[in-house]
């Protein structure tokens, strides 16, 4: 137990030292702990080299991300198992929508480039244009490239990062290939920062490993809520907005942070699930189309059990 505490203290000390060297502010409790620091941590210079960020509007998450998503440089998103690739792809697409919307509002062309390794597409499937459109992405400003090998995908990504016209570049690869080690990720990160383009490294079914990315997220699917109705109730048995369980594996925070989010394609933003609940659920009201229990059968003294709730799907025939 004591050995674990010593190791943790060593990691925290190293993070503080790196933050001082890079002249970066520390998030959360680190800021409060360093108010009266006499070891050279100068708070008056915190904003002098602050990164350009895109706030997500969720204080708890923005604090961990030091203000929001990086507008230049690399962010890594991974899913641990192939069955979670759909959820991770949905999260990456949502981030691309946010980047594209911000650039479009500033009057830029804002195309999004998605580079996919052929093996990744074979394992988890291809993107679906109508689905991307309903998700909030402008598919007229979306480019998809399928690369045969990881080296081809890396070459395309490095070349694209030199063109600052892209709102975001997504690099989707399968697993942990040897040709994308720490040195290669460092080169991609430097290219992205120099070009002023956000790079989303989507590692499909990849393991946690050393990376030069600002942040690394692990994405898992989360249970979706029921679809809210205009009157504040919910549609019983329906499927609501896409939901994600996000674990921040790499950040400047003292400990990993996890949060459940849902993506609202109409608003084009994330909401924390524990806070963005419908009025009906908050007040404990009944769903709009709840099912009444069946009446007792003839010759039976007790009533039949409730059939539960019905799914909102039309009949096949």
C-alpha atoms as a PDB file:
ATOM      1  CA  UNK A   1       0.000   0.000   0.000  1.00  0.00           C
ATOM      2  CA  UNK A   2       2.813   2.360   0.953  1.00  0.00           C
ATOM      3  CA  UNK A   3       4.704   1.456  -2.215  1.00  0.00           C
ATOM      4  CA  UNK A   4       1.661   2.341  -4.335  1.00  0.00           C
ATOM      5  CA  UNK A   5       1.367   5.719  -2.599  1.00  0.00           C
ATOM      6  CA  UNK A   6       5.038   6.436  -3.264  1.00  0.00           C
ATOM      7  CA  UNK A   7       4.646   5.572  -6.931  1.00  0.00           C
ATOM      8  CA  UNK A   8       1.603   7.824  -7.220  1.00  0.00           C
ATOM      9  CA  UNK A   9       3.443  10.688  -5.542  1.00  0.00           C
ATOM     10  CA  UNK A  10       6.316  10.236  -7.985  1.00  0.00           C
ATOM     11  CA  UNK A  11       3.963  10.432 -10.975  1.00  0.00           C
ATOM     12  CA  UNK A  12       2.316  13.586  -9.612  1.00  0.00           C
ATOM     13  CA  UNK A  13       5.691  15.200  -9.033  1.00  0.00           C
ATOM     14  CA  UNK A  14       6.763  14.426 -12.610  1.00  0.00           C
ATOM     15  CA  UNK A  15       3.543  15.932 -13.990  1.00  0.00           C
ATOM     16  CA  UNK A  16       4.121  19.126 -12.024  1.00  0.00           C
ATOM     17  CA  UNK A  17       7.693  19.349 -13.312  1.00  0.00           C
ATOM     18  CA  UNK A  18       6.588  18.888 -16.920  1.00  0.00           C
ATOM     19  CA  UNK A  19       3.913  21.548 -16.468  1.00  0.00           C
ATOM     20  CA  UNK A  20       6.488  24.030 -15.196  1.00  0.00           C
ATOM     21  CA  UNK A  21       8.854  23.289 -18.090  1.00  0.00           C
ATOM     22  CA  UNK A  22       6.080  23.763 -20.665  1.00  0.00           C
ATOM     23  CA  UNK A  23       4.720  26.782 -18.785  1.00  0.00           C
ATOM     24  CA  UNK A  24       1.238  25.259 -18.676  1.00  0.00           C
ATOM     25  CA  UNK A  25      -1.400  25.623 -16.010  1.00  0.00           C
ATOM     26  CA  UNK A  26      -2.465  22.563 -14.022  1.00  0.00           C
ATOM     27  CA  UNK A  27      -6.169  21.676 -13.919  1.00  0.00           C
ATOM     28  CA  UNK A  28      -8.476  21.238 -10.977  1.00  0.00           C
ATOM     29  CA  UNK A  29      -6.997  20.756  -7.534  1.00  0.00           C
ATOM     30  CA  UNK A  30      -3.469  21.380  -8.795  1.00  0.00           C
ATOM     31  CA  UNK A  31      -4.283  25.065  -9.372  1.00  0.00           C
ATOM     32  CA  UNK A  32      -5.554  25.462  -5.829  1.00  0.00           C
ATOM     33  CA  UNK A  33      -2.526  23.654  -4.405  1.00  0.00           C
ATOM     34  CA  UNK A  34      -0.058  25.906  -6.239  1.00  0.00           C
ATOM     35  CA  UNK A  35      -1.461  29.324  -5.317  1.00  0.00           C
ATOM     36  CA  UNK A  36       1.347  30.014  -2.857  1.00  0.00           C
ATOM     37  CA  UNK A  37       3.994  27.989  -4.639  1.00  0.00           C
ATOM     38  CA  UNK A  38       7.496  29.304  -4.046  1.00  0.00           C
ATOM     39  CA  UNK A  39       9.230  26.893  -6.411  1.00  0.00           C
ATOM     40  CA  UNK A  40       8.858  29.012  -9.524  1.00  0.00           C
ATOM     41  CA  UNK A  41       5.329  28.180 -10.690  1.00  0.00           C
ATOM     42  CA  UNK A  42       4.339  31.653 -11.941  1.00  0.00           C
ATOM     43  CA  UNK A  43       0.596  31.999 -12.224  1.00  0.00           C
ATOM     44  CA  UNK A  44       0.828  35.386 -13.932  1.00  0.00           C
ATOM     45  CA  UNK A  45       2.159  33.647 -17.057  1.00  0.00           C
ATOM     46  CA  UNK A  46      -0.524  30.963 -17.274  1.00  0.00           C
ATOM     47  CA  UNK A  47      -2.271  32.470 -20.255  1.00  0.00           C
ATOM     48  CA  UNK A  48       0.849  33.450 -22.183  1.00  0.00           C
ATOM     49  CA  UNK A  49       1.171  30.073 -23.948  1.00  0.00           C
ATOM     50  CA  UNK A  50      -2.343  28.691 -23.558  1.00  0.00           C
ATOM     51  CA  UNK A  51      -3.546  26.403 -26.319  1.00  0.00           C
ATOM     52  CA  UNK A  52      -6.368  27.305 -28.669  1.00  0.00           C
ATOM     53  CA  UNK A  53      -9.341  25.237 -27.586  1.00  0.00           C
ATOM     54  CA  UNK A  54     -12.973  24.530 -28.428  1.00  0.00           C
ATOM     55  CA  UNK A  55     -15.054  24.417 -25.207  1.00  0.00           C
ATOM     56  CA  UNK A  56     -17.579  21.602 -24.968  1.00  0.00           C
ATOM     57  CA  UNK A  57     -19.863  23.481 -22.597  1.00  0.00           C
ATOM     58  CA  UNK A  58     -19.519  20.827 -19.867  1.00  0.00           C
ATOM     59  CA  UNK A  59     -17.555  22.407 -16.988  1.00  0.00           C
ATOM     60  CA  UNK A  60     -16.414  19.126 -15.482  1.00  0.00           C
ATOM     61  CA  UNK A  61     -14.980  17.894 -18.770  1.00  0.00           C
ATOM     62  CA  UNK A  62     -13.659  21.265 -19.961  1.00  0.00           C
ATOM     63  CA  UNK A  63     -11.703  21.574 -16.725  1.00  0.00           C
ATOM     64  CA  UNK A  64      -9.993  18.233 -17.336  1.00  0.00           C
ATOM     65  CA  UNK A  65      -9.276  19.273 -20.947  1.00  0.00           C
ATOM     66  CA  UNK A  66      -7.826  22.616 -19.805  1.00  0.00           C
ATOM     67  CA  UNK A  67     -10.569  24.604 -21.470  1.00  0.00           C
ATOM     68  CA  UNK A  68     -11.778  22.311 -24.241  1.00  0.00           C
ATOM     69  CA  UNK A  69     -10.764  20.314 -27.297  1.00  0.00           C
ATOM     70  CA  UNK A  70      -7.417  21.324 -28.864  1.00  0.00           C
ATOM     71  CA  UNK A  71      -7.793  23.266 -32.101  1.00  0.00           C
ATOM     72  CA  UNK A  72      -4.331  22.211 -33.203  1.00  0.00           C
ATOM     73  CA  UNK A  73      -2.379  19.088 -32.407  1.00  0.00           C
ATOM     74  CA  UNK A  74      -3.383  15.468 -31.868  1.00  0.00           C
ATOM     75  CA  UNK A  75      -6.115  13.925 -29.733  1.00  0.00           C
ATOM     76  CA  UNK A  76      -6.344  10.134 -29.502  1.00  0.00           C
ATOM     77  CA  UNK A  77      -9.593   8.190 -29.233  1.00  0.00           C
ATOM     78  CA  UNK A  78      -9.599   4.432 -28.784  1.00  0.00           C
ATOM     79  CA  UNK A  79     -11.993   1.580 -28.102  1.00  0.00           C
ATOM     80  CA  UNK A  80     -10.824  -1.552 -26.351  1.00  0.00           C
ATOM     81  CA  UNK A  81     -12.857  -4.113 -28.318  1.00  0.00           C
ATOM     82  CA  UNK A  82     -14.103  -4.317 -31.888  1.00  0.00           C
ATOM     83  CA  UNK A  83     -17.732  -4.433 -30.722  1.00  0.00           C
ATOM     84  CA  UNK A  84     -17.279  -0.907 -29.322  1.00  0.00           C
ATOM     85  CA  UNK A  85     -15.986   0.494 -32.624  1.00  0.00           C
ATOM     86  CA  UNK A  86     -19.410   1.841 -33.589  1.00  0.00           C
ATOM     87  CA  UNK A  87     -19.654   3.892 -30.405  1.00  0.00           C
ATOM     88  CA  UNK A  88     -16.112   5.207 -30.830  1.00  0.00           C
ATOM     89  CA  UNK A  89     -16.789   6.124 -34.474  1.00  0.00           C
ATOM     90  CA  UNK A  90     -19.919   7.982 -33.383  1.00  0.00           C
ATOM     91  CA  UNK A  91     -17.936   9.931 -30.803  1.00  0.00           C
ATOM     92  CA  UNK A  92     -15.213  10.808 -33.314  1.00  0.00           C
ATOM     93  CA  UNK A  93     -17.870  11.933 -35.797  1.00  0.00           C
ATOM     94  CA  UNK A  94     -19.417  14.172 -33.138  1.00  0.00           C
ATOM     95  CA  UNK A  95     -16.036  15.808 -32.524  1.00  0.00           C
ATOM     96  CA  UNK A  96     -15.661  16.355 -36.281  1.00  0.00           C
ATOM     97  CA  UNK A  97     -19.103  17.999 -36.339  1.00  0.00           C
ATOM     98  CA  UNK A  98     -18.043  20.380 -33.572  1.00  0.00           C
ATOM     99  CA  UNK A  99     -14.833  21.326 -35.376  1.00  0.00           C
ATOM    100  CA  UNK A 100     -16.653  21.781 -38.685  1.00  0.00           C
ATOM    101  CA  UNK A 101     -19.380  23.907 -37.155  1.00  0.00           C
ATOM    102  CA  UNK A 102     -16.882  26.218 -35.475  1.00  0.00           C
ATOM    103  CA  UNK A 103     -14.924  26.760 -38.694  1.00  0.00           C
ATOM    104  CA  UNK A 104     -18.102  27.221 -40.755  1.00  0.00           C
ATOM    105  CA  UNK A 105     -19.395  29.890 -38.388  1.00  0.00           C
ATOM    106  CA  UNK A 106     -16.160  31.792 -38.993  1.00  0.00           C
ATOM    107  CA  UNK A 107     -16.754  31.746 -42.750  1.00  0.00           C
ATOM    108  CA  UNK A 108     -14.278  28.989 -43.682  1.00  0.00           C
ATOM    109  CA  UNK A 109     -14.890  26.126 -46.098  1.00  0.00           C
ATOM    110  CA  UNK A 110     -14.278  23.647 -43.248  1.00  0.00           C
ATOM    111  CA  UNK A 111     -13.980  20.252 -44.980  1.00  0.00           C
ATOM    112  CA  UNK A 112     -13.385  17.161 -42.836  1.00  0.00           C
ATOM    113  CA  UNK A 113     -10.929  14.501 -44.035  1.00  0.00           C
ATOM    114  CA  UNK A 114     -11.376  10.923 -42.778  1.00  0.00           C
ATOM    115  CA  UNK A 115      -8.493   8.546 -43.555  1.00  0.00           C
ATOM    116  CA  UNK A 116      -9.258   4.898 -42.824  1.00  0.00           C
ATOM    117  CA  UNK A 117      -6.973   1.900 -42.925  1.00  0.00           C
ATOM    118  CA  UNK A 118      -8.578  -0.772 -45.117  1.00  0.00           C
ATOM    119  CA  UNK A 119      -8.294  -3.385 -42.346  1.00  0.00           C
ATOM    120  CA  UNK A 120     -10.207  -1.148 -39.931  1.00  0.00           C
ATOM    121  CA  UNK A 121     -13.043  -0.714 -42.429  1.00  0.00           C
ATOM    122  CA  UNK A 122     -13.238  -4.454 -43.039  1.00  0.00           C
ATOM    123  CA  UNK A 123     -13.467  -5.203 -39.321  1.00  0.00           C
ATOM    124  CA  UNK A 124     -15.957  -2.514 -38.244  1.00  0.00           C
ATOM    125  CA  UNK A 125     -17.640  -1.411 -41.467  1.00  0.00           C
ATOM    126  CA  UNK A 126     -17.669   1.718 -43.602  1.00  0.00           C
ATOM    127  CA  UNK A 127     -19.190   5.096 -42.840  1.00  0.00           C
ATOM    128  CA  UNK A 128     -22.765   5.700 -44.028  1.00  0.00           C
ATOM    129  CA  UNK A 129     -23.361   9.086 -45.661  1.00  0.00           C
ATOM    130  CA  UNK A 130     -27.074   9.513 -44.705  1.00  0.00           C
ATOM    131  CA  UNK A 131     -26.164   8.608 -41.145  1.00  0.00           C
ATOM    132  CA  UNK A 132     -23.379  11.200 -41.074  1.00  0.00           C
ATOM    133  CA  UNK A 133     -25.801  13.824 -42.356  1.00  0.00           C
ATOM    134  CA  UNK A 134     -28.397  13.031 -39.700  1.00  0.00           C
ATOM    135  CA  UNK A 135     -25.593  13.149 -37.145  1.00  0.00           C
ATOM    136  CA  UNK A 136     -24.954  16.809 -37.990  1.00  0.00           C
ATOM    137  CA  UNK A 137     -22.039  16.560 -40.417  1.00  0.00           C
ATOM    138  CA  UNK A 138     -22.077  18.492 -43.700  1.00  0.00           C
ATOM    139  CA  UNK A 139     -21.354  15.620 -46.089  1.00  0.00           C
ATOM    140  CA  UNK A 140     -20.799  18.050 -48.971  1.00  0.00           C
ATOM    141  CA  UNK A 141     -17.664  19.038 -47.093  1.00  0.00           C
ATOM    142  CA  UNK A 142     -16.590  15.543 -46.137  1.00  0.00           C
ATOM    143  CA  UNK A 143     -13.796  13.537 -47.757  1.00  0.00           C
ATOM    144  CA  UNK A 144     -13.194   9.833 -47.120  1.00  0.00           C
ATOM    145  CA  UNK A 145     -10.014   7.993 -48.107  1.00  0.00           C
ATOM    146  CA  UNK A 146      -9.302   4.294 -47.714  1.00  0.00           C
ATOM    147  CA  UNK A 147      -5.610   3.455 -47.396  1.00  0.00           C
ATOM    148  CA  UNK A 148      -4.343  -0.063 -48.035  1.00  0.00           C
ATOM    149  CA  UNK A 149      -1.635   0.007 -45.350  1.00  0.00           C
ATOM    150  CA  UNK A 150      -0.912   1.961 -42.192  1.00  0.00           C
ATOM    151  CA  UNK A 151       2.132   3.551 -43.821  1.00  0.00           C
ATOM    152  CA  UNK A 152      -0.032   4.834 -46.662  1.00  0.00           C
ATOM    153  CA  UNK A 153      -2.508   6.260 -44.152  1.00  0.00           C
ATOM    154  CA  UNK A 154       0.293   7.967 -42.226  1.00  0.00           C
ATOM    155  CA  UNK A 155       1.718   9.524 -45.396  1.00  0.00           C
ATOM    156  CA  UNK A 156      -1.700  10.874 -46.410  1.00  0.00           C
ATOM    157  CA  UNK A 157      -2.295  12.261 -42.923  1.00  0.00           C
ATOM    158  CA  UNK A 158       1.073  14.016 -42.754  1.00  0.00           C
ATOM    159  CA  UNK A 159       0.500  15.561 -46.175  1.00  0.00           C
ATOM    160  CA  UNK A 160      -3.031  16.702 -45.305  1.00  0.00           C
ATOM    161  CA  UNK A 161      -1.902  18.310 -42.045  1.00  0.00           C
ATOM    162  CA  UNK A 162       0.234  20.714 -44.051  1.00  0.00           C
ATOM    163  CA  UNK A 163      -2.934  22.149 -45.626  1.00  0.00           C
ATOM    164  CA  UNK A 164      -4.676  24.386 -43.061  1.00  0.00           C
ATOM    165  CA  UNK A 165      -7.986  24.293 -44.962  1.00  0.00           C
ATOM    166  CA  UNK A 166      -9.277  21.203 -43.121  1.00  0.00           C
ATOM    167  CA  UNK A 167     -11.546  21.669 -40.110  1.00  0.00           C
ATOM    168  CA  UNK A 168     -10.314  18.310 -38.799  1.00  0.00           C
ATOM    169  CA  UNK A 169      -8.368  15.274 -39.983  1.00  0.00           C
ATOM    170  CA  UNK A 170      -9.384  11.826 -38.723  1.00  0.00           C
ATOM    171  CA  UNK A 171      -6.872   8.981 -38.921  1.00  0.00           C
ATOM    172  CA  UNK A 172      -8.528   5.598 -38.303  1.00  0.00           C
ATOM    173  CA  UNK A 173      -6.225   2.626 -37.795  1.00  0.00           C
ATOM    174  CA  UNK A 174      -6.587  -0.886 -36.451  1.00  0.00           C
ATOM    175  CA  UNK A 175      -4.850  -1.905 -33.232  1.00  0.00           C
ATOM    176  CA  UNK A 176      -1.306  -0.902 -32.318  1.00  0.00           C
ATOM    177  CA  UNK A 177       0.854  -1.226 -35.450  1.00  0.00           C
ATOM    178  CA  UNK A 178       4.610  -1.032 -35.005  1.00  0.00           C
ATOM    179  CA  UNK A 179       4.913   1.709 -37.620  1.00  0.00           C
ATOM    180  CA  UNK A 180       2.869   4.045 -35.417  1.00  0.00           C
ATOM    181  CA  UNK A 181       4.944   4.101 -32.263  1.00  0.00           C
ATOM    182  CA  UNK A 182       5.822   7.033 -30.009  1.00  0.00           C
ATOM    183  CA  UNK A 183       8.190   8.594 -32.572  1.00  0.00           C
ATOM    184  CA  UNK A 184       5.604   8.551 -35.355  1.00  0.00           C
ATOM    185  CA  UNK A 185       2.877   9.923 -33.092  1.00  0.00           C
ATOM    186  CA  UNK A 186       5.229  12.733 -32.090  1.00  0.00           C
ATOM    187  CA  UNK A 187       5.789  13.592 -35.748  1.00  0.00           C
ATOM    188  CA  UNK A 188       2.038  13.650 -36.424  1.00  0.00           C
ATOM    189  CA  UNK A 189       1.459  15.832 -33.386  1.00  0.00           C
ATOM    190  CA  UNK A 190       4.117  18.308 -34.475  1.00  0.00           C
ATOM    191  CA  UNK A 191       2.705  18.399 -38.023  1.00  0.00           C
ATOM    192  CA  UNK A 192      -0.787  19.070 -36.702  1.00  0.00           C
ATOM    193  CA  UNK A 193       0.388  21.891 -34.441  1.00  0.00           C
ATOM    194  CA  UNK A 194       2.462  23.463 -37.190  1.00  0.00           C
ATOM    195  CA  UNK A 195      -0.436  23.314 -39.638  1.00  0.00           C
ATOM    196  CA  UNK A 196      -2.976  24.556 -37.100  1.00  0.00           C
ATOM    197  CA  UNK A 197      -5.237  21.541 -37.766  1.00  0.00           C
ATOM    198  CA  UNK A 198      -6.826  19.254 -35.147  1.00  0.00           C
ATOM    199  CA  UNK A 199      -5.900  15.607 -35.724  1.00  0.00           C
ATOM    200  CA  UNK A 200      -8.146  12.886 -34.295  1.00  0.00           C
ATOM    201  CA  UNK A 201      -6.246   9.602 -34.092  1.00  0.00           C
ATOM    202  CA  UNK A 202      -8.955   6.931 -33.944  1.00  0.00           C
ATOM    203  CA  UNK A 203      -7.342   3.707 -32.720  1.00  0.00           C
ATOM    204  CA  UNK A 204      -9.817   0.899 -33.329  1.00  0.00           C
ATOM    205  CA  UNK A 205      -9.518  -2.014 -30.850  1.00  0.00           C
ATOM    206  CA  UNK A 206      -6.213  -0.583 -29.669  1.00  0.00           C
ATOM    207  CA  UNK A 207      -4.377  -0.968 -26.388  1.00  0.00           C
ATOM    208  CA  UNK A 208      -3.245   1.878 -24.204  1.00  0.00           C
ATOM    209  CA  UNK A 209       0.302   2.912 -25.098  1.00  0.00           C
ATOM    210  CA  UNK A 210       2.653   5.889 -24.969  1.00  0.00           C
ATOM    211  CA  UNK A 211       1.503   8.717 -27.213  1.00  0.00           C
ATOM    212  CA  UNK A 212       2.337  12.343 -27.932  1.00  0.00           C
ATOM    213  CA  UNK A 213      -1.326  13.333 -28.090  1.00  0.00           C
ATOM    214  CA  UNK A 214      -2.605  16.076 -25.813  1.00  0.00           C
ATOM    215  CA  UNK A 215      -5.366  13.773 -24.561  1.00  0.00           C
ATOM    216  CA  UNK A 216      -6.435  10.169 -24.966  1.00  0.00           C
ATOM    217  CA  UNK A 217     -10.058   9.056 -24.582  1.00  0.00           C
ATOM    218  CA  UNK A 218     -11.348   5.532 -24.219  1.00  0.00           C
ATOM    219  CA  UNK A 219     -14.919   5.243 -25.513  1.00  0.00           C
ATOM    220  CA  UNK A 220     -17.519   2.634 -24.612  1.00  0.00           C
ATOM    221  CA  UNK A 221     -21.230   2.589 -25.423  1.00  0.00           C
ATOM    222  CA  UNK A 222     -23.576   3.774 -22.679  1.00  0.00           C
ATOM    223  CA  UNK A 223     -27.312   3.042 -22.277  1.00  0.00           C
ATOM    224  CA  UNK A 224     -29.362   5.567 -24.201  1.00  0.00           C
ATOM    225  CA  UNK A 225     -32.358   7.198 -22.607  1.00  0.00           C
ATOM    226  CA  UNK A 226     -35.852   7.350 -24.048  1.00  0.00           C
ATOM    227  CA  UNK A 227     -36.737   9.970 -26.629  1.00  0.00           C
ATOM    228  CA  UNK A 228     -38.232  13.121 -25.078  1.00  0.00           C
ATOM    229  CA  UNK A 229     -41.512  14.512 -26.406  1.00  0.00           C
ATOM    230  CA  UNK A 230     -42.359  18.215 -26.902  1.00  0.00           C
ATOM    231  CA  UNK A 231     -44.605  18.206 -23.816  1.00  0.00           C
ATOM    232  CA  UNK A 232     -41.737  17.122 -21.575  1.00  0.00           C
ATOM    233  CA  UNK A 233     -42.733  13.466 -21.318  1.00  0.00           C
ATOM    234  CA  UNK A 234     -40.841  10.567 -22.869  1.00  0.00           C
ATOM    235  CA  UNK A 235     -41.830   8.072 -25.547  1.00  0.00           C
ATOM    236  CA  UNK A 236     -42.004   4.736 -23.777  1.00  0.00           C
ATOM    237  CA  UNK A 237     -39.781   2.064 -25.320  1.00  0.00           C
ATOM    238  CA  UNK A 238     -38.083   4.456 -27.713  1.00  0.00           C
ATOM    239  CA  UNK A 239     -34.359   4.974 -28.215  1.00  0.00           C
ATOM    240  CA  UNK A 240     -33.014   8.439 -27.484  1.00  0.00           C
ATOM    241  CA  UNK A 241     -29.799  10.194 -28.371  1.00  0.00           C
ATOM    242  CA  UNK A 242     -26.508   8.276 -28.779  1.00  0.00           C
ATOM    243  CA  UNK A 243     -24.768   7.867 -25.433  1.00  0.00           C
ATOM    244  CA  UNK A 244     -21.094   7.336 -24.658  1.00  0.00           C
ATOM    245  CA  UNK A 245     -19.030   6.433 -21.624  1.00  0.00           C
ATOM    246  CA  UNK A 246     -15.874   8.537 -21.895  1.00  0.00           C
ATOM    247  CA  UNK A 247     -12.753   7.803 -19.869  1.00  0.00           C
ATOM    248  CA  UNK A 248      -9.973  10.397 -20.056  1.00  0.00           C
ATOM    249  CA  UNK A 249      -6.905   8.168 -19.921  1.00  0.00           C
ATOM    250  CA  UNK A 250      -4.315  10.828 -20.637  1.00  0.00           C
ATOM    251  CA  UNK A 251      -4.441  14.424 -19.426  1.00  0.00           C
ATOM    252  CA  UNK A 252      -2.678  16.755 -17.068  1.00  0.00           C
ATOM    253  CA  UNK A 253      -5.129  15.850 -14.335  1.00  0.00           C
ATOM    254  CA  UNK A 254      -4.082  13.921 -11.266  1.00  0.00           C
ATOM    255  CA  UNK A 255      -6.382  10.983 -11.976  1.00  0.00           C
ATOM    256  CA  UNK A 256      -8.405   9.566 -14.879  1.00  0.00           C
ATOM    257  CA  UNK A 257     -11.810  11.179 -15.283  1.00  0.00           C
ATOM    258  CA  UNK A 258     -14.867   9.433 -16.650  1.00  0.00           C
ATOM    259  CA  UNK A 259     -18.238  10.838 -17.640  1.00  0.00           C
ATOM    260  CA  UNK A 260     -21.300   9.681 -19.566  1.00  0.00           C
ATOM    261  CA  UNK A 261     -22.360  11.913 -22.444  1.00  0.00           C
ATOM    262  CA  UNK A 262     -25.145  11.973 -24.991  1.00  0.00           C
ATOM    263  CA  UNK A 263     -24.912  13.568 -28.427  1.00  0.00           C
ATOM    264  CA  UNK A 264     -27.786  15.765 -29.582  1.00  0.00           C
ATOM    265  CA  UNK A 265     -27.489  16.018 -33.365  1.00  0.00           C
ATOM    266  CA  UNK A 266     -30.125  18.765 -33.537  1.00  0.00           C
ATOM    267  CA  UNK A 267     -28.279  21.027 -31.086  1.00  0.00           C
ATOM    268  CA  UNK A 268     -24.910  19.719 -32.280  1.00  0.00           C
ATOM    269  CA  UNK A 269     -23.495  19.441 -28.797  1.00  0.00           C
ATOM    270  CA  UNK A 270     -22.873  17.008 -25.952  1.00  0.00           C
ATOM    271  CA  UNK A 271     -24.884  16.870 -22.757  1.00  0.00           C
ATOM    272  CA  UNK A 272     -23.933  15.078 -19.535  1.00  0.00           C
ATOM    273  CA  UNK A 273     -26.447  12.290 -19.078  1.00  0.00           C
ATOM    274  CA  UNK A 274     -26.806  12.697 -15.327  1.00  0.00           C
ATOM    275  CA  UNK A 275     -27.860  16.354 -15.758  1.00  0.00           C
ATOM    276  CA  UNK A 276     -29.727  16.393 -19.077  1.00  0.00           C
ATOM    277  CA  UNK A 277     -32.781  14.356 -18.074  1.00  0.00           C
ATOM    278  CA  UNK A 278     -36.317  14.955 -19.249  1.00  0.00           C
ATOM    279  CA  UNK A 279     -38.827  16.723 -17.051  1.00  0.00           C
ATOM    280  CA  UNK A 280     -40.872  13.568 -16.786  1.00  0.00           C
ATOM    281  CA  UNK A 281     -38.006  11.527 -15.380  1.00  0.00           C
ATOM    282  CA  UNK A 282     -36.943  14.286 -12.981  1.00  0.00           C
ATOM    283  CA  UNK A 283     -40.453  14.545 -11.523  1.00  0.00           C
ATOM    284  CA  UNK A 284     -41.104  10.829 -11.545  1.00  0.00           C
ATOM    285  CA  UNK A 285     -44.013  11.189 -13.968  1.00  0.00           C
ATOM    286  CA  UNK A 286     -45.417   8.313 -15.964  1.00  0.00           C
ATOM    287  CA  UNK A 287     -44.349   7.863 -19.594  1.00  0.00           C
ATOM    288  CA  UNK A 288     -46.661   9.212 -22.257  1.00  0.00           C
ATOM    289  CA  UNK A 289     -47.834   5.783 -23.426  1.00  0.00           C
ATOM    290  CA  UNK A 290     -47.433   3.537 -20.413  1.00  0.00           C
ATOM    291  CA  UNK A 291     -49.071   0.125 -20.640  1.00  0.00           C
ATOM    292  CA  UNK A 292     -51.901  -0.732 -18.219  1.00  0.00           C
ATOM    293  CA  UNK A 293     -51.895  -4.146 -16.555  1.00  0.00           C
ATOM    294  CA  UNK A 294     -54.059  -6.780 -18.179  1.00  0.00           C
ATOM    295  CA  UNK A 295     -57.383  -7.629 -16.580  1.00  0.00           C
ATOM    296  CA  UNK A 296     -57.776 -10.921 -14.715  1.00  0.00           C
ATOM    297  CA  UNK A 297     -58.526 -13.978 -16.836  1.00  0.00           C
ATOM    298  CA  UNK A 298     -61.846 -15.804 -16.406  1.00  0.00           C
ATOM    299  CA  UNK A 299     -61.858 -18.271 -13.533  1.00  0.00           C
ATOM    300  CA  UNK A 300     -58.722 -16.816 -11.902  1.00  0.00           C
ATOM    301  CA  UNK A 301     -58.679 -15.009  -8.609  1.00  0.00           C
ATOM    302  CA  UNK A 302     -55.555 -12.917  -9.277  1.00  0.00           C
ATOM    303  CA  UNK A 303     -54.862 -10.488 -12.087  1.00  0.00           C
ATOM    304  CA  UNK A 304     -52.329 -11.225 -14.777  1.00  0.00           C
ATOM    305  CA  UNK A 305     -48.838  -9.841 -14.549  1.00  0.00           C
ATOM    306  CA  UNK A 306     -47.990  -6.650 -16.402  1.00  0.00           C
ATOM    307  CA  UNK A 307     -46.572  -7.159 -19.883  1.00  0.00           C
ATOM    308  CA  UNK A 308     -44.082  -4.372 -19.295  1.00  0.00           C
ATOM    309  CA  UNK A 309     -43.420  -1.688 -21.865  1.00  0.00           C
ATOM    310  CA  UNK A 310     -43.774  -1.943 -25.622  1.00  0.00           C
ATOM    311  CA  UNK A 311     -41.027  -1.032 -28.064  1.00  0.00           C
ATOM    312  CA  UNK A 312     -41.840   1.773 -30.480  1.00  0.00           C
ATOM    313  CA  UNK A 313     -41.242  -0.219 -33.686  1.00  0.00           C
ATOM    314  CA  UNK A 314     -43.746  -0.724 -36.485  1.00  0.00           C
ATOM    315  CA  UNK A 315     -44.921  -4.202 -37.406  1.00  0.00           C
ATOM    316  CA  UNK A 316     -42.966  -5.982 -40.105  1.00  0.00           C
ATOM    317  CA  UNK A 317     -46.133  -7.325 -41.722  1.00  0.00           C
END
